[in-house]
Amino acid sequence: MDRVKDLASKRAAVVFTKSSCYMCHSITQLFYELGASPAVHELDNDPYGKEMEKALRSLGCSPSVPAVFIGGKFVGSSRDVISLHVDGSLKQMLMAARAIWF
């Protein structure tokens, strides 16, 4: 859990993913299209990936990826991020966390 919190707090936008997950790729692309450059941590390519996946599940992320943090706070999974994008608040959250500036 500490590793997840530490990584999540180092950048304005952080996405925990798996390389084979299409929704992870879609969420990451959405951030890029909005002008953000999130830190992307692929759990299947990280030696601590299984531990981090358990920590993400304990935060309530089901499925465990993608797990999105903005401004060091857990936002949720792909469903949550898409909902925030549709209602316009995702961009506002990214601006407040200084992940984007426009």
PDB file of N, CA and C in Angstrom:
ATOM      1  N   MET A   1       0.830  -1.198   0.000  1.00  0.00           N
ATOM      2  CA  MET A   1       0.000   0.000   0.000  1.00  0.00           C
ATOM      3  C   MET A   1       0.866   1.250   0.000  1.00  0.00           C
ATOM      4  N   ASP A   2       1.947   1.233   0.767  1.00  0.00           N
ATOM      5  CA  ASP A   2       2.819   2.401   0.842  1.00  0.00           C
ATOM      6  C   ASP A   2       3.437   2.718  -0.508  1.00  0.00           C
ATOM      7  N   ARG A   3       3.820   1.688  -1.262  1.00  0.00           N
ATOM      8  CA  ARG A   3       4.427   1.910  -2.574  1.00  0.00           C
ATOM      9  C   ARG A   3       3.420   2.578  -3.518  1.00  0.00           C
ATOM     10  N   VAL A   4       2.192   2.114  -3.492  1.00  0.00           N
ATOM     11  CA  VAL A   4       1.154   2.710  -4.346  1.00  0.00           C
ATOM     12  C   VAL A   4       0.955   4.173  -3.976  1.00  0.00           C
ATOM     13  N   LYS A   5       0.808   4.456  -2.705  1.00  0.00           N
ATOM     14  CA  LYS A   5       0.605   5.839  -2.261  1.00  0.00           C
ATOM     15  C   LYS A   5       1.798   6.716  -2.608  1.00  0.00           C
ATOM     16  N   ASP A   6       3.005   6.170  -2.466  1.00  0.00           N
ATOM     17  CA  ASP A   6       4.211   6.927  -2.784  1.00  0.00           C
ATOM     18  C   ASP A   6       4.256   7.269  -4.275  1.00  0.00           C
ATOM     19  N   LEU A   7       4.029   6.273  -5.132  1.00  0.00           N
ATOM     20  CA  LEU A   7       4.049   6.512  -6.575  1.00  0.00           C
ATOM     21  C   LEU A   7       2.922   7.459  -6.986  1.00  0.00           C
ATOM     22  N   ALA A   8       1.763   7.316  -6.366  1.00  0.00           N
ATOM     23  CA  ALA A   8       0.605   8.146  -6.714  1.00  0.00           C
ATOM     24  C   ALA A   8       0.810   9.610  -6.344  1.00  0.00           C
ATOM     25  N   SER A   9       1.653   9.860  -5.369  1.00  0.00           N
ATOM     26  CA  SER A   9       1.846  11.239  -4.909  1.00  0.00           C
ATOM     27  C   SER A   9       2.988  11.961  -5.627  1.00  0.00           C
ATOM     28  N   LYS A  10       3.740  11.260  -6.452  1.00  0.00           N
ATOM     29  CA  LYS A  10       4.912  11.873  -7.089  1.00  0.00           C
ATOM     30  C   LYS A  10       4.587  12.696  -8.330  1.00  0.00           C
ATOM     31  N   ARG A  11       3.447  12.455  -8.950  1.00  0.00           N
ATOM     32  CA  ARG A  11       3.059  13.190 -10.154  1.00  0.00           C
ATOM     33  C   ARG A  11       1.620  13.645 -10.030  1.00  0.00           C
ATOM     34  N   ALA A  12       1.246  14.635 -10.822  1.00  0.00           N
ATOM     35  CA  ALA A  12      -0.113  15.169 -10.774  1.00  0.00           C
ATOM     36  C   ALA A  12      -1.141  14.148 -11.251  1.00  0.00           C
ATOM     37  N   ALA A  13      -0.781  13.325 -12.210  1.00  0.00           N
ATOM     38  CA  ALA A  13      -1.681  12.288 -12.720  1.00  0.00           C
ATOM     39  C   ALA A  13      -0.901  10.978 -12.820  1.00  0.00           C
ATOM     40  N   VAL A  14      -1.479   9.928 -12.247  1.00  0.00           N
ATOM     41  CA  VAL A  14      -0.830   8.613 -12.224  1.00  0.00           C
ATOM     42  C   VAL A  14      -1.857   7.560 -12.609  1.00  0.00           C
ATOM     43  N   VAL A  15      -1.440   6.653 -13.507  1.00  0.00           N
ATOM     44  CA  VAL A  15      -2.313   5.561 -13.924  1.00  0.00           C
ATOM     45  C   VAL A  15      -1.566   4.244 -13.734  1.00  0.00           C
ATOM     46  N   PHE A  16      -2.169   3.344 -12.962  1.00  0.00           N
ATOM     47  CA  PHE A  16      -1.636   1.996 -12.813  1.00  0.00           C
ATOM     48  C   PHE A  16      -2.340   1.131 -13.844  1.00  0.00           C
ATOM     49  N   THR A  17      -1.559   0.413 -14.646  1.00  0.00           N
ATOM     50  CA  THR A  17      -2.097  -0.325 -15.779  1.00  0.00           C
ATOM     51  C   THR A  17      -1.498  -1.724 -15.859  1.00  0.00           C
ATOM     52  N   LYS A  18      -1.945  -2.451 -16.867  1.00  0.00           N
ATOM     53  CA  LYS A  18      -1.308  -3.692 -17.315  1.00  0.00           C
ATOM     54  C   LYS A  18      -1.155  -3.561 -18.818  1.00  0.00           C
ATOM     55  N   SER A  19      -0.076  -4.080 -19.338  1.00  0.00           N
ATOM     56  CA  SER A  19       0.224  -3.891 -20.758  1.00  0.00           C
ATOM     57  C   SER A  19      -0.810  -4.539 -21.677  1.00  0.00           C
ATOM     58  N   SER A  20      -1.520  -5.554 -21.211  1.00  0.00           N
ATOM     59  CA  SER A  20      -2.492  -6.251 -22.051  1.00  0.00           C
ATOM     60  C   SER A  20      -3.915  -5.722 -21.902  1.00  0.00           C
ATOM     61  N   CYS A  21      -4.115  -4.668 -21.133  1.00  0.00           N
ATOM     62  CA  CYS A  21      -5.458  -4.155 -20.836  1.00  0.00           C
ATOM     63  C   CYS A  21      -5.834  -3.033 -21.808  1.00  0.00           C
ATOM     64  N   TYR A  22      -6.869  -3.262 -22.610  1.00  0.00           N
ATOM     65  CA  TYR A  22      -7.276  -2.258 -23.590  1.00  0.00           C
ATOM     66  C   TYR A  22      -7.875  -1.025 -22.915  1.00  0.00           C
ATOM     67  N   MET A  23      -8.583  -1.198 -21.797  1.00  0.00           N
ATOM     68  CA  MET A  23      -9.146  -0.032 -21.102  1.00  0.00           C
ATOM     69  C   MET A  23      -8.037   0.824 -20.498  1.00  0.00           C
ATOM     70  N   CYS A  24      -6.971   0.185 -20.036  1.00  0.00           N
ATOM     71  CA  CYS A  24      -5.818   0.939 -19.522  1.00  0.00           C
ATOM     72  C   CYS A  24      -5.249   1.820 -20.617  1.00  0.00           C
ATOM     73  N   HIS A  25      -5.108   1.255 -21.788  1.00  0.00           N
ATOM     74  CA  HIS A  25      -4.579   2.005 -22.927  1.00  0.00           C
ATOM     75  C   HIS A  25      -5.531   3.160 -23.272  1.00  0.00           C
ATOM     76  N   SER A  26      -6.833   2.897 -23.258  1.00  0.00           N
ATOM     77  CA  SER A  26      -7.812   3.927 -23.598  1.00  0.00           C
ATOM     78  C   SER A  26      -7.791   5.082 -22.603  1.00  0.00           C
ATOM     79  N   ILE A  27      -7.697   4.767 -21.325  1.00  0.00           N
ATOM     80  CA  ILE A  27      -7.666   5.820 -20.302  1.00  0.00           C
ATOM     81  C   ILE A  27      -6.384   6.638 -20.419  1.00  0.00           C
ATOM     82  N   THR A  28      -5.274   5.968 -20.641  1.00  0.00           N
ATOM     83  CA  THR A  28      -3.997   6.673 -20.812  1.00  0.00           C
ATOM     84  C   THR A  28      -4.069   7.598 -22.024  1.00  0.00           C
ATOM     85  N   GLN A  29      -4.642   7.116 -23.130  1.00  0.00           N
ATOM     86  CA  GLN A  29      -4.786   7.936 -24.334  1.00  0.00           C
ATOM     87  C   GLN A  29      -5.689   9.137 -24.080  1.00  0.00           C
ATOM     88  N   LEU A  30      -6.741   8.946 -23.301  1.00  0.00           N
ATOM     89  CA  LEU A  30      -7.629  10.056 -22.956  1.00  0.00           C
ATOM     90  C   LEU A  30      -6.856  11.161 -22.234  1.00  0.00           C
ATOM     91  N   PHE A  31      -6.019  10.773 -21.305  1.00  0.00           N
ATOM     92  CA  PHE A  31      -5.215  11.766 -20.587  1.00  0.00           C
ATOM     93  C   PHE A  31      -4.304  12.515 -21.553  1.00  0.00           C
ATOM     94  N   TYR A  32      -3.665  11.798 -22.465  1.00  0.00           N
ATOM     95  CA  TYR A  32      -2.792  12.449 -23.445  1.00  0.00           C
ATOM     96  C   TYR A  32      -3.589  13.415 -24.320  1.00  0.00           C
ATOM     97  N   GLU A  33      -4.795  13.018 -24.742  1.00  0.00           N
ATOM     98  CA  GLU A  33      -5.628  13.878 -25.578  1.00  0.00           C
ATOM     99  C   GLU A  33      -6.062  15.141 -24.847  1.00  0.00           C
ATOM    100  N   LEU A  34      -6.191  15.047 -23.519  1.00  0.00           N
ATOM    101  CA  LEU A  34      -6.541  16.216 -22.721  1.00  0.00           C
ATOM    102  C   LEU A  34      -5.326  17.100 -22.425  1.00  0.00           C
ATOM    103  N   GLY A  35      -4.138  16.643 -22.807  1.00  0.00           N
ATOM    104  CA  GLY A  35      -2.927  17.424 -22.607  1.00  0.00           C
ATOM    105  C   GLY A  35      -2.120  17.041 -21.387  1.00  0.00           C
ATOM    106  N   ALA A  36      -2.528  15.997 -20.698  1.00  0.00           N
ATOM    107  CA  ALA A  36      -1.795  15.536 -19.507  1.00  0.00           C
ATOM    108  C   ALA A  36      -0.801  14.455 -19.905  1.00  0.00           C
ATOM    109  N   SER A  37       0.284  14.381 -19.174  1.00  0.00           N
ATOM    110  CA  SER A  37       1.267  13.317 -19.354  1.00  0.00           C
ATOM    111  C   SER A  37       1.367  12.537 -18.045  1.00  0.00           C
ATOM    112  N   PRO A  38       0.471  11.558 -17.876  1.00  0.00           N
ATOM    113  CA  PRO A  38       0.451  10.845 -16.603  1.00  0.00           C
ATOM    114  C   PRO A  38       1.649   9.924 -16.446  1.00  0.00           C
ATOM    115  N   ALA A  39       2.017   9.671 -15.211  1.00  0.00           N
ATOM    116  CA  ALA A  39       2.983   8.620 -14.928  1.00  0.00           C
ATOM    117  C   ALA A  39       2.219   7.312 -15.076  1.00  0.00           C
ATOM    118  N   VAL A  40       2.725   6.415 -15.888  1.00  0.00           N
ATOM    119  CA  VAL A  40       2.060   5.141 -16.135  1.00  0.00           C
ATOM    120  C   VAL A  40       2.916   4.034 -15.546  1.00  0.00           C
ATOM    121  N   HIS A  41       2.304   3.249 -14.660  1.00  0.00           N
ATOM    122  CA  HIS A  41       3.010   2.140 -14.015  1.00  0.00           C
ATOM    123  C   HIS A  41       2.333   0.840 -14.433  1.00  0.00           C
ATOM    124  N   GLU A  42       3.023   0.053 -15.258  1.00  0.00           N
ATOM    125  CA  GLU A  42       2.477  -1.221 -15.718  1.00  0.00           C
ATOM    126  C   GLU A  42       2.782  -2.296 -14.674  1.00  0.00           C
ATOM    127  N   LEU A  43       1.746  -2.776 -14.021  1.00  0.00           N
ATOM    128  CA  LEU A  43       1.928  -3.725 -12.934  1.00  0.00           C
ATOM    129  C   LEU A  43       2.521  -5.048 -13.388  1.00  0.00           C
ATOM    130  N   ASP A  44       2.220  -5.462 -14.619  1.00  0.00           N
ATOM    131  CA  ASP A  44       2.759  -6.731 -15.096  1.00  0.00           C
ATOM    132  C   ASP A  44       4.240  -6.633 -15.486  1.00  0.00           C
ATOM    133  N   ASN A  45       4.779  -5.426 -15.503  1.00  0.00           N
ATOM    134  CA  ASN A  45       6.198  -5.234 -15.801  1.00  0.00           C
ATOM    135  C   ASN A  45       6.977  -4.695 -14.608  1.00  0.00           C
ATOM    136  N   ASP A  46       6.363  -4.702 -13.446  1.00  0.00           N
ATOM    137  CA  ASP A  46       6.993  -4.185 -12.238  1.00  0.00           C
ATOM    138  C   ASP A  46       7.230  -5.340 -11.267  1.00  0.00           C
ATOM    139  N   PRO A  47       8.427  -5.425 -10.684  1.00  0.00           N
ATOM    140  CA  PRO A  47       8.687  -6.525  -9.751  1.00  0.00           C
ATOM    141  C   PRO A  47       7.762  -6.517  -8.534  1.00  0.00           C
ATOM    142  N   TYR A  48       7.191  -5.380  -8.189  1.00  0.00           N
ATOM    143  CA  TYR A  48       6.258  -5.282  -7.064  1.00  0.00           C
ATOM    144  C   TYR A  48       4.802  -5.228  -7.537  1.00  0.00           C
ATOM    145  N   GLY A  49       4.583  -5.586  -8.783  1.00  0.00           N
ATOM    146  CA  GLY A  49       3.268  -5.455  -9.394  1.00  0.00           C
ATOM    147  C   GLY A  49       2.161  -6.198  -8.674  1.00  0.00           C
ATOM    148  N   LYS A  50       2.402  -7.426  -8.270  1.00  0.00           N
ATOM    149  CA  LYS A  50       1.357  -8.212  -7.581  1.00  0.00           C
ATOM    150  C   LYS A  50       0.980  -7.574  -6.253  1.00  0.00           C
ATOM    151  N   GLU A  51       1.972  -7.076  -5.520  1.00  0.00           N
ATOM    152  CA  GLU A  51       1.704  -6.403  -4.248  1.00  0.00           C
ATOM    153  C   GLU A  51       0.900  -5.130  -4.478  1.00  0.00           C
ATOM    154  N   MET A  52       1.281  -4.369  -5.509  1.00  0.00           N
ATOM    155  CA  MET A  52       0.562  -3.130  -5.805  1.00  0.00           C
ATOM    156  C   MET A  52      -0.865  -3.424  -6.253  1.00  0.00           C
ATOM    157  N   GLU A  53      -1.048  -4.508  -6.991  1.00  0.00           N
ATOM    158  CA  GLU A  53      -2.395  -4.880  -7.424  1.00  0.00           C
ATOM    159  C   GLU A  53      -3.288  -5.200  -6.223  1.00  0.00           C
ATOM    160  N   LYS A  54      -2.755  -5.892  -5.250  1.00  0.00           N
ATOM    161  CA  LYS A  54      -3.507  -6.180  -4.021  1.00  0.00           C
ATOM    162  C   LYS A  54      -3.862  -4.890  -3.287  1.00  0.00           C
ATOM    163  N   ALA A  55      -2.916  -3.965  -3.238  1.00  0.00           N
ATOM    164  CA  ALA A  55      -3.166  -2.681  -2.574  1.00  0.00           C
ATOM    165  C   ALA A  55      -4.262  -1.897  -3.295  1.00  0.00           C
ATOM    166  N   LEU A  56      -4.255  -1.932  -4.619  1.00  0.00           N
ATOM    167  CA  LEU A  56      -5.283  -1.225  -5.391  1.00  0.00           C
ATOM    168  C   LEU A  56      -6.655  -1.845  -5.147  1.00  0.00           C
ATOM    169  N   ARG A  57      -6.708  -3.152  -5.060  1.00  0.00           N
ATOM    170  CA  ARG A  57      -7.992  -3.817  -4.765  1.00  0.00           C
ATOM    171  C   ARG A  57      -8.501  -3.422  -3.381  1.00  0.00           C
ATOM    172  N   SER A  58      -7.570  -3.287  -2.438  1.00  0.00           N
ATOM    173  CA  SER A  58      -7.988  -2.908  -1.083  1.00  0.00           C
ATOM    174  C   SER A  58      -8.525  -1.476  -1.040  1.00  0.00           C
ATOM    175  N   LEU A  59      -8.151  -0.649  -2.020  1.00  0.00           N
ATOM    176  CA  LEU A  59      -8.698   0.706  -2.129  1.00  0.00           C
ATOM    177  C   LEU A  59     -10.088   0.709  -2.754  1.00  0.00           C
ATOM    178  N   GLY A  60     -10.492  -0.438  -3.278  1.00  0.00           N
ATOM    179  CA  GLY A  60     -11.807  -0.545  -3.886  1.00  0.00           C
ATOM    180  C   GLY A  60     -11.797  -0.549  -5.393  1.00  0.00           C
ATOM    181  N   CYS A  61     -10.633  -0.668  -5.985  1.00  0.00           N
ATOM    182  CA  CYS A  61     -10.533  -0.681  -7.437  1.00  0.00           C
ATOM    183  C   CYS A  61     -10.777  -2.106  -7.937  1.00  0.00           C
ATOM    184  N   SER A  62     -11.918  -2.301  -8.576  1.00  0.00           N
ATOM    185  CA  SER A  62     -12.261  -3.615  -9.101  1.00  0.00           C
ATOM    186  C   SER A  62     -12.847  -3.430 -10.488  1.00  0.00           C
ATOM    187  N   PRO A  63     -12.208  -3.898 -11.530  1.00  0.00           N
ATOM    188  CA  PRO A  63     -10.936  -4.618 -11.527  1.00  0.00           C
ATOM    189  C   PRO A  63      -9.798  -3.714 -11.067  1.00  0.00           C
ATOM    190  N   SER A  64      -8.674  -4.326 -10.812  1.00  0.00           N
ATOM    191  CA  SER A  64      -7.566  -3.591 -10.204  1.00  0.00           C
ATOM    192  C   SER A  64      -6.958  -2.532 -11.115  1.00  0.00           C
ATOM    193  N   VAL A  65      -7.094  -2.683 -12.421  1.00  0.00           N
ATOM    194  CA  VAL A  65      -6.558  -1.707 -13.365  1.00  0.00           C
ATOM    195  C   VAL A  65      -7.601  -1.394 -14.418  1.00  0.00           C
ATOM    196  N   PRO A  66      -7.591  -0.209 -14.998  1.00  0.00           N
ATOM    197  CA  PRO A  66      -6.732   0.901 -14.642  1.00  0.00           C
ATOM    198  C   PRO A  66      -7.163   1.533 -13.320  1.00  0.00           C
ATOM    199  N   ALA A  67      -6.194   1.972 -12.579  1.00  0.00           N
ATOM    200  CA  ALA A  67      -6.435   2.691 -11.331  1.00  0.00           C
ATOM    201  C   ALA A  67      -5.831   4.073 -11.492  1.00  0.00           C
ATOM    202  N   VAL A  68      -6.654   5.096 -11.337  1.00  0.00           N
ATOM    203  CA  VAL A  68      -6.240   6.461 -11.633  1.00  0.00           C
ATOM    204  C   VAL A  68      -6.180   7.299 -10.361  1.00  0.00           C
ATOM    205  N   PHE A  69      -5.079   8.038 -10.255  1.00  0.00           N
ATOM    206  CA  PHE A  69      -4.886   8.984  -9.159  1.00  0.00           C
ATOM    207  C   PHE A  69      -4.635  10.353  -9.775  1.00  0.00           C
ATOM    208  N   ILE A  70      -5.302  11.359  -9.244  1.00  0.00           N
ATOM    209  CA  ILE A  70      -5.081  12.736  -9.683  1.00  0.00           C
ATOM    210  C   ILE A  70      -4.816  13.569  -8.444  1.00  0.00           C
ATOM    211  N   GLY A  71      -3.714  14.274  -8.454  1.00  0.00           N
ATOM    212  CA  GLY A  71      -3.347  15.078  -7.294  1.00  0.00           C
ATOM    213  C   GLY A  71      -3.101  14.229  -6.061  1.00  0.00           C
ATOM    214  N   GLY A  72      -2.659  13.002  -6.261  1.00  0.00           N
ATOM    215  CA  GLY A  72      -2.369  12.093  -5.152  1.00  0.00           C
ATOM    216  C   GLY A  72      -3.589  11.399  -4.575  1.00  0.00           C
ATOM    217  N   LYS A  73      -4.773  11.697  -5.110  1.00  0.00           N
ATOM    218  CA  LYS A  73      -6.008  11.101  -4.594  1.00  0.00           C
ATOM    219  C   LYS A  73      -6.545  10.066  -5.570  1.00  0.00           C
ATOM    220  N   PHE A  74      -7.031   8.967  -5.024  1.00  0.00           N
ATOM    221  CA  PHE A  74      -7.602   7.909  -5.845  1.00  0.00           C
ATOM    222  C   PHE A  74      -8.902   8.387  -6.466  1.00  0.00           C
ATOM    223  N   VAL A  75      -8.966   8.345  -7.798  1.00  0.00           N
ATOM    224  CA  VAL A  75     -10.145   8.773  -8.537  1.00  0.00           C
ATOM    225  C   VAL A  75     -11.041   7.578  -8.849  1.00  0.00           C
ATOM    226  N   GLY A  76     -10.425   6.455  -9.208  1.00  0.00           N
ATOM    227  CA  GLY A  76     -11.200   5.263  -9.509  1.00  0.00           C
ATOM    228  C   GLY A  76     -10.660   4.523 -10.714  1.00  0.00           C
ATOM    229  N   SER A  77     -11.541   3.726 -11.285  1.00  0.00           N
ATOM    230  CA  SER A  77     -11.168   2.907 -12.437  1.00  0.00           C
ATOM    231  C   SER A  77     -11.675   3.556 -13.717  1.00  0.00           C
ATOM    232  N   SER A  78     -11.658   2.818 -14.792  1.00  0.00           N
ATOM    233  CA  SER A  78     -12.033   3.378 -16.093  1.00  0.00           C
ATOM    234  C   SER A  78     -13.468   3.915 -16.091  1.00  0.00           C
ATOM    235  N   ARG A  79     -14.383   3.219 -15.472  1.00  0.00           N
ATOM    236  CA  ARG A  79     -15.778   3.671 -15.431  1.00  0.00           C
ATOM    237  C   ARG A  79     -15.884   5.040 -14.758  1.00  0.00           C
ATOM    238  N   ASP A  80     -15.157   5.200 -13.655  1.00  0.00           N
ATOM    239  CA  ASP A  80     -15.191   6.475 -12.932  1.00  0.00           C
ATOM    240  C   ASP A  80     -14.586   7.606 -13.761  1.00  0.00           C
ATOM    241  N   VAL A  81     -13.463   7.325 -14.406  1.00  0.00           N
ATOM    242  CA  VAL A  81     -12.777   8.340 -15.206  1.00  0.00           C
ATOM    243  C   VAL A  81     -13.625   8.756 -16.401  1.00  0.00           C
ATOM    244  N   ILE A  82     -14.256   7.788 -17.050  1.00  0.00           N
ATOM    245  CA  ILE A  82     -15.106   8.109 -18.201  1.00  0.00           C
ATOM    246  C   ILE A  82     -16.302   8.948 -17.752  1.00  0.00           C
ATOM    247  N   SER A  83     -16.888   8.615 -16.621  1.00  0.00           N
ATOM    248  CA  SER A  83     -18.008   9.410 -16.092  1.00  0.00           C
ATOM    249  C   SER A  83     -17.578  10.842 -15.813  1.00  0.00           C
ATOM    250  N   LEU A  84     -16.405  10.992 -15.224  1.00  0.00           N
ATOM    251  CA  LEU A  84     -15.880  12.334 -14.949  1.00  0.00           C
ATOM    252  C   LEU A  84     -15.612  13.102 -16.237  1.00  0.00           C
ATOM    253  N   HIS A  85     -15.140  12.402 -17.249  1.00  0.00           N
ATOM    254  CA  HIS A  85     -14.867  13.050 -18.533  1.00  0.00           C
ATOM    255  C   HIS A  85     -16.176  13.503 -19.193  1.00  0.00           C
ATOM    256  N   VAL A  86     -17.180  12.652 -19.163  1.00  0.00           N
ATOM    257  CA  VAL A  86     -18.458  12.973 -19.790  1.00  0.00           C
ATOM    258  C   VAL A  86     -19.105  14.190 -19.133  1.00  0.00           C
ATOM    259  N   ASP A  87     -19.022  14.285 -17.809  1.00  0.00           N
ATOM    260  CA  ASP A  87     -19.661  15.440 -17.151  1.00  0.00           C
ATOM    261  C   ASP A  87     -18.752  16.667 -17.071  1.00  0.00           C
ATOM    262  N   GLY A  88     -17.543  16.566 -17.623  1.00  0.00           N
ATOM    263  CA  GLY A  88     -16.648  17.720 -17.707  1.00  0.00           C
ATOM    264  C   GLY A  88     -15.760  17.946 -16.504  1.00  0.00           C
ATOM    265  N   SER A  89     -15.899  17.150 -15.467  1.00  0.00           N
ATOM    266  CA  SER A  89     -15.112  17.405 -14.262  1.00  0.00           C
ATOM    267  C   SER A  89     -13.701  16.813 -14.300  1.00  0.00           C
ATOM    268  N   LEU A  90     -13.440  15.870 -15.208  1.00  0.00           N
ATOM    269  CA  LEU A  90     -12.088  15.298 -15.298  1.00  0.00           C
ATOM    270  C   LEU A  90     -11.080  16.387 -15.666  1.00  0.00           C
ATOM    271  N   LYS A  91     -11.408  17.185 -16.658  1.00  0.00           N
ATOM    272  CA  LYS A  91     -10.508  18.256 -17.086  1.00  0.00           C
ATOM    273  C   LYS A  91     -10.273  19.240 -15.943  1.00  0.00           C
ATOM    274  N   GLN A  92     -11.323  19.555 -15.197  1.00  0.00           N
ATOM    275  CA  GLN A  92     -11.192  20.470 -14.060  1.00  0.00           C
ATOM    276  C   GLN A  92     -10.280  19.881 -12.979  1.00  0.00           C
ATOM    277  N   MET A  93     -10.419  18.582 -12.738  1.00  0.00           N
ATOM    278  CA  MET A  93      -9.568  17.918 -11.744  1.00  0.00           C
ATOM    279  C   MET A  93      -8.105  17.954 -12.180  1.00  0.00           C
ATOM    280  N   LEU A  94      -7.875  17.720 -13.463  1.00  0.00           N
ATOM    281  CA  LEU A  94      -6.499  17.751 -13.984  1.00  0.00           C
ATOM    282  C   LEU A  94      -5.920  19.158 -13.897  1.00  0.00           C
ATOM    283  N   MET A  95      -6.744  20.157 -14.152  1.00  0.00           N
ATOM    284  CA  MET A  95      -6.272  21.533 -14.037  1.00  0.00           C
ATOM    285  C   MET A  95      -5.966  21.882 -12.580  1.00  0.00           C
ATOM    286  N   ALA A  96      -6.817  21.476 -11.664  1.00  0.00           N
ATOM    287  CA  ALA A  96      -6.614  21.765 -10.238  1.00  0.00           C
ATOM    288  C   ALA A  96      -5.345  21.096  -9.711  1.00  0.00           C
ATOM    289  N   ALA A  97      -5.024  19.912 -10.258  1.00  0.00           N
ATOM    290  CA  ALA A  97      -3.818  19.191  -9.826  1.00  0.00           C
ATOM    291  C   ALA A  97      -2.570  19.656 -10.602  1.00  0.00           C
ATOM    292  N   ARG A  98      -2.781  20.590 -11.543  1.00  0.00           N
ATOM    293  CA  ARG A  98      -1.705  21.113 -12.385  1.00  0.00           C
ATOM    294  C   ARG A  98      -1.101  20.063 -13.323  1.00  0.00           C
ATOM    295  N   ALA A  99      -1.959  19.135 -13.745  1.00  0.00           N
ATOM    296  CA  ALA A  99      -1.540  18.155 -14.747  1.00  0.00           C
ATOM    297  C   ALA A  99      -1.688  18.737 -16.145  1.00  0.00           C
ATOM    298  N   ILE A 100      -2.604  19.718 -16.267  1.00  0.00           N
ATOM    299  CA  ILE A 100      -2.761  20.483 -17.513  1.00  0.00           C
ATOM    300  C   ILE A 100      -2.943  21.944 -17.131  1.00  0.00           C
ATOM    301  N   TRP A 101      -2.687  22.836 -18.081  1.00  0.00           N
ATOM    302  CA  TRP A 101      -2.688  24.257 -17.760  1.00  0.00           C
ATOM    303  C   TRP A 101      -3.655  25.091 -18.555  1.00  0.00           C
ATOM    304  N   PHE A 102      -4.472  24.504 -19.408  1.00  0.00           N
ATOM    305  CA  PHE A 102      -5.368  25.321 -20.229  1.00  0.00           C
ATOM    306  C   PHE A 102      -6.792  25.185 -19.812  1.00  0.00           C
TER     307      PHE A 102
END
